[in-house]
C-alpha atoms as a PDB file:
ATOM      1  CA  UNK A   1       0.000   0.000   0.000  1.00  0.00           C
ATOM      2  CA  UNK A   2       2.842   2.389   0.803  1.00  0.00           C
ATOM      3  CA  UNK A   3       4.283   1.808  -2.697  1.00  0.00           C
ATOM      4  CA  UNK A   4       0.936   2.727  -4.228  1.00  0.00           C
ATOM      5  CA  UNK A   5       0.734   5.888  -2.105  1.00  0.00           C
ATOM      6  CA  UNK A   6       4.283   6.799  -3.115  1.00  0.00           C
ATOM      7  CA  UNK A   7       3.460   6.400  -6.807  1.00  0.00           C
ATOM      8  CA  UNK A   8       0.343   8.517  -6.370  1.00  0.00           C
ATOM      9  CA  UNK A   9       2.302  11.202  -4.528  1.00  0.00           C
ATOM     10  CA  UNK A  10       4.456  11.695  -7.588  1.00  0.00           C
ATOM     11  CA  UNK A  11       1.552  11.634 -10.063  1.00  0.00           C
ATOM     12  CA  UNK A  12      -1.082  13.706  -8.238  1.00  0.00           C
ATOM     13  CA  UNK A  13      -0.995  17.529  -8.540  1.00  0.00           C
ATOM     14  CA  UNK A  14      -1.428  19.778  -5.506  1.00  0.00           C
ATOM     15  CA  UNK A  15      -4.998  20.040  -4.241  1.00  0.00           C
ATOM     16  CA  UNK A  16      -6.819  22.098  -1.638  1.00  0.00           C
ATOM     17  CA  UNK A  17      -8.558  20.521   1.318  1.00  0.00           C
ATOM     18  CA  UNK A  18     -11.407  22.488   2.906  1.00  0.00           C
ATOM     19  CA  UNK A  19     -10.668  23.229   6.565  1.00  0.00           C
ATOM     20  CA  UNK A  20     -13.370  25.298   8.231  1.00  0.00           C
ATOM     21  CA  UNK A  21     -13.897  28.623   6.487  1.00  0.00           C
ATOM     22  CA  UNK A  22     -10.476  28.491   4.806  1.00  0.00           C
ATOM     23  CA  UNK A  23      -8.815  26.116   2.370  1.00  0.00           C
ATOM     24  CA  UNK A  24      -5.470  24.560   3.196  1.00  0.00           C
ATOM     25  CA  UNK A  25      -3.137  23.505   0.387  1.00  0.00           C
ATOM     26  CA  UNK A  26      -1.935  19.907   0.383  1.00  0.00           C
ATOM     27  CA  UNK A  27       1.015  19.311  -1.913  1.00  0.00           C
ATOM     28  CA  UNK A  28       1.386  15.586  -2.692  1.00  0.00           C
ATOM     29  CA  UNK A  29       4.497  16.120  -4.836  1.00  0.00           C
ATOM     30  CA  UNK A  30       6.251  17.570  -1.766  1.00  0.00           C
ATOM     31  CA  UNK A  31       5.277  14.727   0.547  1.00  0.00           C
ATOM     32  CA  UNK A  32       8.064  12.982   2.383  1.00  0.00           C
ATOM     33  CA  UNK A  33       7.371   9.300   1.931  1.00  0.00           C
ATOM     34  CA  UNK A  34       7.281   7.708   5.348  1.00  0.00           C
ATOM     35  CA  UNK A  35       7.799  10.928   7.335  1.00  0.00           C
ATOM     36  CA  UNK A  36       8.346  10.005  10.993  1.00  0.00           C
ATOM     37  CA  UNK A  37       5.797  10.929  13.643  1.00  0.00           C
ATOM     38  CA  UNK A  38       5.594  10.109  17.342  1.00  0.00           C
ATOM     39  CA  UNK A  39       2.300   8.503  18.358  1.00  0.00           C
ATOM     40  CA  UNK A  40       1.730   8.979  22.102  1.00  0.00           C
ATOM     41  CA  UNK A  41      -1.291   7.562  23.926  1.00  0.00           C
ATOM     42  CA  UNK A  42      -2.750   6.636  27.289  1.00  0.00           C
ATOM     43  CA  UNK A  43      -5.744   4.608  28.440  1.00  0.00           C
ATOM     44  CA  UNK A  44      -8.177   7.327  29.531  1.00  0.00           C
ATOM     45  CA  UNK A  45     -10.431   9.500  27.348  1.00  0.00           C
ATOM     46  CA  UNK A  46      -9.866  12.765  29.205  1.00  0.00           C
ATOM     47  CA  UNK A  47      -8.002  14.783  26.512  1.00  0.00           C
ATOM     48  CA  UNK A  48      -4.858  14.842  28.699  1.00  0.00           C
ATOM     49  CA  UNK A  49      -1.924  12.444  28.483  1.00  0.00           C
ATOM     50  CA  UNK A  50      -1.160  11.119  31.959  1.00  0.00           C
ATOM     51  CA  UNK A  51       1.815   9.433  33.614  1.00  0.00           C
ATOM     52  CA  UNK A  52       0.906   6.079  32.036  1.00  0.00           C
ATOM     53  CA  UNK A  53       1.486   7.409  28.521  1.00  0.00           C
ATOM     54  CA  UNK A  54       3.176   5.186  25.956  1.00  0.00           C
ATOM     55  CA  UNK A  55       4.716   6.110  22.609  1.00  0.00           C
ATOM     56  CA  UNK A  56       6.090   4.718  19.370  1.00  0.00           C
ATOM     57  CA  UNK A  57       7.072   5.958  15.916  1.00  0.00           C
ATOM     58  CA  UNK A  58       4.900   5.748  12.837  1.00  0.00           C
ATOM     59  CA  UNK A  59       5.905   6.496   9.246  1.00  0.00           C
ATOM     60  CA  UNK A  60       3.084   8.289   7.418  1.00  0.00           C
ATOM     61  CA  UNK A  61       2.618   9.478   3.858  1.00  0.00           C
ATOM     62  CA  UNK A  62      -0.114  11.861   2.706  1.00  0.00           C
ATOM     63  CA  UNK A  63      -1.447  11.923  -0.851  1.00  0.00           C
ATOM     64  CA  UNK A  64      -4.168  14.488  -1.358  1.00  0.00           C
ATOM     65  CA  UNK A  65      -6.507  13.876   1.570  1.00  0.00           C
ATOM     66  CA  UNK A  66      -5.462  10.228   2.087  1.00  0.00           C
ATOM     67  CA  UNK A  67      -3.025   9.088   4.777  1.00  0.00           C
ATOM     68  CA  UNK A  68      -1.171   5.755   4.853  1.00  0.00           C
ATOM     69  CA  UNK A  69       1.711   4.214   6.731  1.00  0.00           C
ATOM     70  CA  UNK A  70       3.020   1.732   9.256  1.00  0.00           C
ATOM     71  CA  UNK A  71       4.896   1.501  12.538  1.00  0.00           C
ATOM     72  CA  UNK A  72       8.552   2.538  12.271  1.00  0.00           C
ATOM     73  CA  UNK A  73      10.089   0.254  14.850  1.00  0.00           C
ATOM     74  CA  UNK A  74       8.861  -1.761  17.813  1.00  0.00           C
ATOM     75  CA  UNK A  75       5.757  -0.864  19.815  1.00  0.00           C
ATOM     76  CA  UNK A  76       6.245  -1.439  23.535  1.00  0.00           C
ATOM     77  CA  UNK A  77       9.128  -3.776  22.690  1.00  0.00           C
ATOM     78  CA  UNK A  78       7.182  -5.820  20.106  1.00  0.00           C
ATOM     79  CA  UNK A  79       7.341  -5.802  16.326  1.00  0.00           C
ATOM     80  CA  UNK A  80       3.879  -5.006  14.966  1.00  0.00           C
ATOM     81  CA  UNK A  81       2.775  -5.711  11.396  1.00  0.00           C
ATOM     82  CA  UNK A  82       0.161  -2.964  11.196  1.00  0.00           C
ATOM     83  CA  UNK A  83      -0.986  -0.903   8.251  1.00  0.00           C
ATOM     84  CA  UNK A  84      -2.418   2.592   8.811  1.00  0.00           C
ATOM     85  CA  UNK A  85      -4.959   4.106   6.457  1.00  0.00           C
ATOM     86  CA  UNK A  86      -7.125   7.163   6.784  1.00  0.00           C
ATOM     87  CA  UNK A  87      -8.042  10.580   5.525  1.00  0.00           C
ATOM     88  CA  UNK A  88      -8.131  14.278   6.301  1.00  0.00           C
ATOM     89  CA  UNK A  89     -11.764  15.396   6.494  1.00  0.00           C
ATOM     90  CA  UNK A  90     -13.486  18.784   6.404  1.00  0.00           C
ATOM     91  CA  UNK A  91     -12.637  20.867   9.448  1.00  0.00           C
ATOM     92  CA  UNK A  92      -9.183  19.306   9.815  1.00  0.00           C
ATOM     93  CA  UNK A  93     -10.416  16.061  11.362  1.00  0.00           C
ATOM     94  CA  UNK A  94      -7.958  13.247  10.694  1.00  0.00           C
ATOM     95  CA  UNK A  95      -9.136   9.663  10.907  1.00  0.00           C
ATOM     96  CA  UNK A  96      -6.683   6.774  10.942  1.00  0.00           C
ATOM     97  CA  UNK A  97      -7.360   3.064  11.201  1.00  0.00           C
ATOM     98  CA  UNK A  98      -4.582   0.709  12.307  1.00  0.00           C
ATOM     99  CA  UNK A  99      -5.207  -2.799  10.931  1.00  0.00           C
ATOM    100  CA  UNK A 100      -3.473  -6.009  11.971  1.00  0.00           C
ATOM    101  CA  UNK A 101      -4.381  -9.682  11.518  1.00  0.00           C
ATOM    102  CA  UNK A 102      -6.493  -9.935  14.698  1.00  0.00           C
ATOM    103  CA  UNK A 103      -6.686  -6.347  15.912  1.00  0.00           C
ATOM    104  CA  UNK A 104      -7.813  -2.901  14.783  1.00  0.00           C
ATOM    105  CA  UNK A 105      -7.649   0.542  16.334  1.00  0.00           C
ATOM    106  CA  UNK A 106      -9.216   3.794  15.143  1.00  0.00           C
ATOM    107  CA  UNK A 107      -7.862   7.266  15.834  1.00  0.00           C
ATOM    108  CA  UNK A 108      -9.764  10.541  15.453  1.00  0.00           C
ATOM    109  CA  UNK A 109      -7.655  13.694  15.804  1.00  0.00           C
ATOM    110  CA  UNK A 110      -7.871  17.428  15.168  1.00  0.00           C
ATOM    111  CA  UNK A 111      -5.053  19.972  14.872  1.00  0.00           C
ATOM    112  CA  UNK A 112      -4.006  21.669  18.102  1.00  0.00           C
ATOM    113  CA  UNK A 113      -2.269  24.978  18.564  1.00  0.00           C
ATOM    114  CA  UNK A 114       0.989  23.225  19.444  1.00  0.00           C
ATOM    115  CA  UNK A 115       1.495  21.852  15.909  1.00  0.00           C
ATOM    116  CA  UNK A 116       0.320  18.364  16.916  1.00  0.00           C
ATOM    117  CA  UNK A 117      -2.849  16.376  16.318  1.00  0.00           C
ATOM    118  CA  UNK A 118      -4.839  15.614  19.491  1.00  0.00           C
ATOM    119  CA  UNK A 119      -7.741  13.195  19.853  1.00  0.00           C
ATOM    120  CA  UNK A 120      -8.971   9.813  20.966  1.00  0.00           C
ATOM    121  CA  UNK A 121      -8.439   6.173  20.051  1.00  0.00           C
ATOM    122  CA  UNK A 122     -10.620   3.078  20.423  1.00  0.00           C
ATOM    123  CA  UNK A 123      -9.737  -0.539  19.633  1.00  0.00           C
ATOM    124  CA  UNK A 124     -11.381  -3.899  18.991  1.00  0.00           C
ATOM    125  CA  UNK A 125     -10.568  -5.017  22.552  1.00  0.00           C
ATOM    126  CA  UNK A 126     -12.903  -2.340  23.941  1.00  0.00           C
ATOM    127  CA  UNK A 127     -10.100  -0.095  25.184  1.00  0.00           C
ATOM    128  CA  UNK A 128      -9.927   3.657  24.497  1.00  0.00           C
ATOM    129  CA  UNK A 129      -7.886   6.689  25.421  1.00  0.00           C
ATOM    130  CA  UNK A 130      -6.236   9.964  24.509  1.00  0.00           C
ATOM    131  CA  UNK A 131      -3.771  10.193  21.605  1.00  0.00           C
ATOM    132  CA  UNK A 132      -1.322  12.838  20.333  1.00  0.00           C
ATOM    133  CA  UNK A 133       0.485  12.667  16.984  1.00  0.00           C
ATOM    134  CA  UNK A 134       3.645  14.808  16.779  1.00  0.00           C
ATOM    135  CA  UNK A 135       5.916  15.299  13.755  1.00  0.00           C
ATOM    136  CA  UNK A 136       9.498  14.278  14.499  1.00  0.00           C
ATOM    137  CA  UNK A 137      11.441  17.255  13.179  1.00  0.00           C
ATOM    138  CA  UNK A 138      15.172  17.278  12.439  1.00  0.00           C
ATOM    139  CA  UNK A 139      17.235  18.221  15.486  1.00  0.00           C
ATOM    140  CA  UNK A 140      17.412  21.969  15.984  1.00  0.00           C
ATOM    141  CA  UNK A 141      14.245  22.673  13.972  1.00  0.00           C
ATOM    142  CA  UNK A 142      11.704  24.711  15.939  1.00  0.00           C
ATOM    143  CA  UNK A 143       8.241  23.135  16.224  1.00  0.00           C
ATOM    144  CA  UNK A 144       5.415  24.559  14.066  1.00  0.00           C
ATOM    145  CA  UNK A 145       3.590  27.450  15.700  1.00  0.00           C
ATOM    146  CA  UNK A 146       0.289  27.257  13.824  1.00  0.00           C
ATOM    147  CA  UNK A 147      -2.464  24.647  13.643  1.00  0.00           C
ATOM    148  CA  UNK A 148      -2.154  23.864   9.930  1.00  0.00           C
ATOM    149  CA  UNK A 149       1.479  22.695   9.753  1.00  0.00           C
ATOM    150  CA  UNK A 150       0.967  19.009  10.361  1.00  0.00           C
ATOM    151  CA  UNK A 151       0.607  15.857   8.285  1.00  0.00           C
ATOM    152  CA  UNK A 152       2.466  17.696   5.515  1.00  0.00           C
ATOM    153  CA  UNK A 153      -0.365  20.197   5.213  1.00  0.00           C
ATOM    154  CA  UNK A 154       1.274  23.451   4.148  1.00  0.00           C
ATOM    155  CA  UNK A 155       0.194  26.956   5.048  1.00  0.00           C
END
């Protein structure tokens, strides 16, 4: 799937995605294939990460309003064969679904003022919690200061 998304990223021209009253440009040709993000989560749906938070890396690619990717390394010490797929919806809502052979997890996130995506997750085991997706920037790069500079959405 990532190969297909990569091929599409090269072939698809820039498009605009409606976000609230404004339109935000998404430039597929400029997408970094497999850009690294930190996925941080806990097990309570209270919009605040607590001391039990866990994290891992995910590699995500955006083509138009579609998002795809996979884990980039172990998750809590285990190798996971998951595929992520999702989309950027009107209003900046991002939905991702993590699919594995006997497990699935959905994430719903919106942009936050800190340049991250904040939201909730729920899985097929009945668990749920808070989630934050943060772009791993090169060392020394200041974090984005606006709510549109995430998931390769340009301002």
